C-alpha atoms as a PDB file:
ATOM      1  CA  MET A   1     -40.901  -6.849  27.258  1.00  0.00           C
ATOM      2  CA  PRO A   2     -38.275  -5.067  24.935  1.00  0.00           C
ATOM      3  CA  ASN A   3     -36.013  -7.379  22.693  1.00  0.00           C
ATOM      4  CA  PRO A   4     -32.250  -7.191  23.961  1.00  0.00           C
ATOM      5  CA  LEU A   5     -29.414  -6.993  21.137  1.00  0.00           C
ATOM      6  CA  LYS A   6     -27.214  -9.444  22.402  1.00  0.00           C
ATOM      7  CA  ILE A   7     -23.395  -9.662  21.139  1.00  0.00           C
ATOM      8  CA  GLU A   8     -20.669 -12.497  22.076  1.00  0.00           C
ATOM      9  CA  ASP A   9     -17.307 -13.376  21.356  1.00  0.00           C
ATOM     10  CA  SER A  10     -13.703 -14.833  22.472  1.00  0.00           C
ATOM     11  CA  ILE A  11     -10.339 -14.855  22.556  1.00  0.00           C
ATOM     12  CA  GLU A  12      -7.586 -17.570  24.089  1.00  0.00           C
ATOM     13  CA  ILE A  13      -4.856 -15.449  26.156  1.00  0.00           C
ATOM     14  CA  ALA A  14      -1.577 -16.937  26.385  1.00  0.00           C
ATOM     15  CA  LYS A  15      -1.637 -16.260  30.484  1.00  0.00           C
ATOM     16  CA  SER A  16      -3.071 -18.592  33.260  1.00  0.00           C
ATOM     17  CA  VAL A  17      -6.443 -18.028  34.282  1.00  0.00           C
ATOM     18  CA  ASP A  18      -5.459 -16.315  37.189  1.00  0.00           C
ATOM     19  CA  LYS A  19      -3.596 -13.779  36.010  1.00  0.00           C
ATOM     20  CA  VAL A  20      -6.276 -12.844  33.300  1.00  0.00           C
ATOM     21  CA  TYR A  21      -8.843 -12.652  36.298  1.00  0.00           C
ATOM     22  CA  ALA A  22      -6.562 -10.714  38.391  1.00  0.00           C
ATOM     23  CA  ILE A  23      -5.640  -8.098  35.899  1.00  0.00           C
ATOM     24  CA  TYR A  24      -9.715  -7.545  34.148  1.00  0.00           C
ATOM     25  CA  MET A  25     -10.862  -7.177  38.086  1.00  0.00           C
ATOM     26  CA  ASP A  26      -7.971  -4.634  38.609  1.00  0.00           C
ATOM     27  CA  THR A  27     -10.374  -0.975  38.504  1.00  0.00           C
ATOM     28  CA  ASP A  28      -6.913   0.481  37.696  1.00  0.00           C
ATOM     29  CA  ASN A  29      -6.518  -1.690  34.545  1.00  0.00           C
ATOM     30  CA  ILE A  30      -9.711  -0.874  32.789  1.00  0.00           C
ATOM     31  CA  PRO A  31      -8.009   1.761  30.177  1.00  0.00           C
ATOM     32  CA  LYS A  32      -5.745  -1.115  29.370  1.00  0.00           C
ATOM     33  CA  VAL A  33      -8.126  -3.723  28.282  1.00  0.00           C
ATOM     34  CA  VAL A  34     -11.493  -1.731  27.257  1.00  0.00           C
ATOM     35  CA  ASP A  35     -11.333   0.131  23.955  1.00  0.00           C
ATOM     36  CA  GLY A  36     -12.515   3.603  24.463  1.00  0.00           C
ATOM     37  CA  VAL A  37     -12.255   3.795  27.970  1.00  0.00           C
ATOM     38  CA  VAL A  38     -10.225   6.585  28.505  1.00  0.00           C
ATOM     39  CA  ARG A  39     -10.169   7.255  32.851  1.00  0.00           C
ATOM     40  CA  VAL A  40     -11.839   5.272  35.388  1.00  0.00           C
ATOM     41  CA  GLU A  41     -12.905   6.913  38.855  1.00  0.00           C
ATOM     42  CA  ARG A  42     -13.713   4.036  41.339  1.00  0.00           C
ATOM     43  CA  LEU A  43     -17.194   5.203  43.857  1.00  0.00           C
ATOM     44  CA  SER A  44     -17.098   2.115  45.958  1.00  0.00           C
ATOM     45  CA  ASP A  45     -15.997  -1.746  46.231  1.00  0.00           C
ATOM     46  CA  THR A  46     -18.608  -2.552  43.775  1.00  0.00           C
ATOM     47  CA  ARG A  47     -19.295   1.012  41.633  1.00  0.00           C
ATOM     48  CA  SER A  48     -17.343   2.852  39.148  1.00  0.00           C
ATOM     49  CA  ARG A  49     -17.824   6.063  36.753  1.00  0.00           C
ATOM     50  CA  TRP A  50     -16.453   4.951  33.176  1.00  0.00           C
ATOM     51  CA  SER A  51     -15.074   7.852  30.865  1.00  0.00           C
ATOM     52  CA  TRP A  52     -15.616   6.671  27.320  1.00  0.00           C
ATOM     53  CA  GLU A  53     -14.049   8.539  24.189  1.00  0.00           C
ATOM     54  CA  ARG A  54     -14.689   6.842  20.912  1.00  0.00           C
ATOM     55  CA  GLY A  55     -16.145   8.028  17.082  1.00  0.00           C
ATOM     56  CA  GLY A  56     -15.308  11.839  18.432  1.00  0.00           C
ATOM     57  CA  LEU A  57     -18.036  11.495  20.986  1.00  0.00           C
ATOM     58  CA  SER A  58     -16.854  11.375  24.879  1.00  0.00           C
ATOM     59  CA  TRP A  59     -19.466  10.288  28.029  1.00  0.00           C
ATOM     60  CA  THR A  60     -19.278   8.637  31.052  1.00  0.00           C
ATOM     61  CA  GLU A  61     -21.143   6.012  32.981  1.00  0.00           C
ATOM     62  CA  GLU A  62     -21.194   4.439  36.498  1.00  0.00           C
ATOM     63  CA  MET A  63     -20.900   0.770  36.343  1.00  0.00           C
ATOM     64  CA  GLU A  64     -21.887  -2.026  39.078  1.00  0.00           C
ATOM     65  CA  LEU A  65     -19.969  -4.874  39.056  1.00  0.00           C
ATOM     66  CA  VAL A  66     -23.029  -7.424  40.191  1.00  0.00           C
ATOM     67  CA  SER A  67     -21.415 -10.754  40.694  1.00  0.00           C
ATOM     68  CA  THR A  68     -17.762 -12.563  40.737  1.00  0.00           C
ATOM     69  CA  LYS A  69     -16.853 -15.534  40.890  1.00  0.00           C
ATOM     70  CA  PRO A  70     -12.915 -16.001  41.297  1.00  0.00           C
ATOM     71  CA  ASN A  71     -10.847 -17.203  38.037  1.00  0.00           C
ATOM     72  CA  GLU A  72     -14.497 -18.253  36.362  1.00  0.00           C
ATOM     73  CA  ARG A  73     -16.607 -14.741  35.943  1.00  0.00           C
ATOM     74  CA  ALA A  74     -17.789 -11.398  36.827  1.00  0.00           C
ATOM     75  CA  GLU A  75     -20.812  -9.570  35.606  1.00  0.00           C
ATOM     76  CA  TRP A  76     -21.551  -5.584  35.647  1.00  0.00           C
ATOM     77  CA  LYS A  77     -24.332  -3.615  34.504  1.00  0.00           C
ATOM     78  CA  THR A  78     -24.772   0.078  33.781  1.00  0.00           C
ATOM     79  CA  GLY A  79     -27.917   1.787  32.642  1.00  0.00           C
ATOM     80  CA  GLY A  80     -28.123   4.876  30.059  1.00  0.00           C
ATOM     81  CA  GLU A  81     -30.837   7.312  29.103  1.00  0.00           C
ATOM     82  CA  LEU A  82     -31.562   4.708  26.361  1.00  0.00           C
ATOM     83  CA  PHE A  83     -30.495   1.553  27.169  1.00  0.00           C
ATOM     84  CA  THR A  84     -28.722  -0.850  30.232  1.00  0.00           C
ATOM     85  CA  CYS A  85     -26.178  -3.127  29.153  1.00  0.00           C
ATOM     86  CA  LYS A  86     -25.313  -6.203  31.373  1.00  0.00           C
ATOM     87  CA  ALA A  87     -21.726  -7.439  30.509  1.00  0.00           C
ATOM     88  CA  VAL A  88     -20.407 -11.055  31.979  1.00  0.00           C
ATOM     89  CA  THR A  89     -16.958 -12.141  31.029  1.00  0.00           C
ATOM     90  CA  GLU A  90     -16.075 -15.552  31.583  1.00  0.00           C
ATOM     91  CA  PHE A  91     -12.460 -17.100  32.377  1.00  0.00           C
ATOM     92  CA  HIS A  92     -11.825 -20.685  31.206  1.00  0.00           C
ATOM     93  CA  GLU A  93      -8.893 -21.801  32.114  1.00  0.00           C
ATOM     94  CA  VAL A  94      -7.244 -24.385  28.404  1.00  0.00           C
ATOM     95  CA  ASP A  95      -4.096 -25.011  30.112  1.00  0.00           C
ATOM     96  CA  GLY A  96      -1.696 -23.643  32.581  1.00  0.00           C
ATOM     97  CA  ASP A  97      -0.558 -21.354  30.210  1.00  0.00           C
ATOM     98  CA  ARG A  98      -3.536 -20.095  27.932  1.00  0.00           C
ATOM     99  CA  THR A  99      -7.169 -18.571  29.209  1.00  0.00           C
ATOM    100  CA  ARG A 100     -10.215 -18.300  26.729  1.00  0.00           C
ATOM    101  CA  VAL A 101     -11.814 -15.288  27.688  1.00  0.00           C
ATOM    102  CA  VAL A 102     -16.048 -15.373  26.370  1.00  0.00           C
ATOM    103  CA  HIS A 103     -17.473 -11.726  27.100  1.00  0.00           C
ATOM    104  CA  ARG A 104     -21.261 -11.073  25.863  1.00  0.00           C
ATOM    105  CA  ASN A 105     -22.935  -7.780  26.271  1.00  0.00           C
ATOM    106  CA  GLU A 106     -26.382  -7.319  26.545  1.00  0.00           C
ATOM    107  CA  TYR A 107     -28.374  -3.595  25.582  1.00  0.00           C
ATOM    108  CA  VAL A 108     -31.956  -3.578  26.446  1.00  0.00           C
ATOM    109  CA  PRO A 109     -33.740  -0.231  25.455  1.00  0.00           C
ATOM    110  CA  ARG A 110     -35.812   1.298  27.902  1.00  0.00           C
ATOM    111  CA  VAL A 111     -38.605   2.599  25.749  1.00  0.00           C
ATOM    112  CA  GLY A 112     -41.112   0.143  24.237  1.00  0.00           C
ATOM    113  CA  GLY A 113     -39.950  -2.037  21.450  1.00  0.00           C
ATOM    114  CA  ASP A 114     -36.777  -2.950  20.546  1.00  0.00           C
ATOM    115  CA  ILE A 115     -33.040  -1.556  19.547  1.00  0.00           C
ATOM    116  CA  ALA A 116     -33.641  -0.660  16.364  1.00  0.00           C
ATOM    117  CA  SER A 117     -36.715   1.327  18.092  1.00  0.00           C
ATOM    118  CA  LEU A 118     -32.844   3.429  19.844  1.00  0.00           C
ATOM    119  CA  ALA A 119     -31.780   3.809  15.841  1.00  0.00           C
ATOM    120  CA  GLY A 120     -35.189   5.821  14.481  1.00  0.00           C
ATOM    121  CA  SER A 121     -34.740   5.656  10.512  1.00  0.00           C
ATOM    122  CA  THR A 122     -31.000   4.580  10.499  1.00  0.00           C
ATOM    123  CA  PRO A 123     -30.801   1.351   9.582  1.00  0.00           C
ATOM    124  CA  LEU A 124     -30.233  -1.537  13.001  1.00  0.00           C
ATOM    125  CA  GLY A 125     -27.424  -3.010  10.500  1.00  0.00           C
ATOM    126  CA  PRO A 126     -24.517  -0.258  11.671  1.00  0.00           C
ATOM    127  CA  ILE A 127     -25.364  -0.088  15.469  1.00  0.00           C
ATOM    128  CA  VAL A 128     -24.824  -3.962  15.530  1.00  0.00           C
ATOM    129  CA  ASP A 129     -21.697  -4.092  13.365  1.00  0.00           C
ATOM    130  CA  GLU A 130     -20.421  -0.868  15.924  1.00  0.00           C
ATOM    131  CA  ALA A 131     -20.599  -2.935  19.280  1.00  0.00           C
ATOM    132  CA  LYS A 132     -19.372  -6.130  17.522  1.00  0.00           C
ATOM    133  CA  HIS A 133     -16.231  -4.539  16.731  1.00  0.00           C
ATOM    134  CA  VAL A 134     -16.362  -2.793  20.196  1.00  0.00           C
ATOM    135  CA  LEU A 135     -15.856  -5.970  21.546  1.00  0.00           C
ATOM    136  CA  LYS A 136     -13.879  -7.116  19.274  1.00  0.00           C
ATOM    137  CA  ALA A 137     -11.295  -4.012  19.332  1.00  0.00           C
ATOM    138  CA  THR A 138     -11.534  -4.787  23.469  1.00  0.00           C
ATOM    139  CA  LEU A 139     -10.612  -8.488  23.492  1.00  0.00           C
ATOM    140  CA  ARG A 140      -7.563  -7.823  21.348  1.00  0.00           C
ATOM    141  CA  LYS A 141      -6.308  -5.088  23.147  1.00  0.00           C
ATOM    142  CA  ALA A 142      -7.078  -6.915  26.600  1.00  0.00           C
ATOM    143  CA  LYS A 143      -5.027  -9.548  24.893  1.00  0.00           C
ATOM    144  CA  GLN A 144      -2.103  -7.368  23.704  1.00  0.00           C
ATOM    145  CA  TYR A 145      -1.881  -5.760  27.369  1.00  0.00           C
ATOM    146  CA  ILE A 146      -2.284  -8.632  29.320  1.00  0.00           C
ATOM    147  CA  GLU A 147       0.502 -10.555  27.518  1.00  0.00           C
ATOM    148  CA  ALA A 148       2.937  -7.877  27.645  1.00  0.00           C
ATOM    149  CA  ASN A 149       2.084  -7.170  31.426  1.00  0.00           C
ATOM    150  CA  GLY A 150       0.354 -10.403  32.739  1.00  0.00           C
ATOM    151  CA  GLY A 151       3.378 -11.241  34.463  1.00  0.00           C
END
């Protein structure tokens, strides 16, 4: 069984949990809250195609909404040629006007071994650092957008 790369981060947003959840779950808002996503095409109630631009590269991937628990949790998955990713976002009410958003990504290589095997001769450190950077940038972008536009 391949070893996954797991990253997690969180941020507090000065809006109620129902407002934060509603913005996160609206497909039209994804480019506004996810760093690097420039366009989302809704394919069905549970599937969408995300177009990314990051570091001079562009690509698309299909995302599937696996499960939701309104105002508490949402889980997505995607599968690329090299790895699959499971993303879980949890929404925790701090008080009536503040929400803690916790986001976890788990990357599993499709090839044997672990994520390090995807890097070839490149040290794993920069890959992990970039994944953490993207998650942190996404949470900051989400906070900024939601606090300015969350009603």
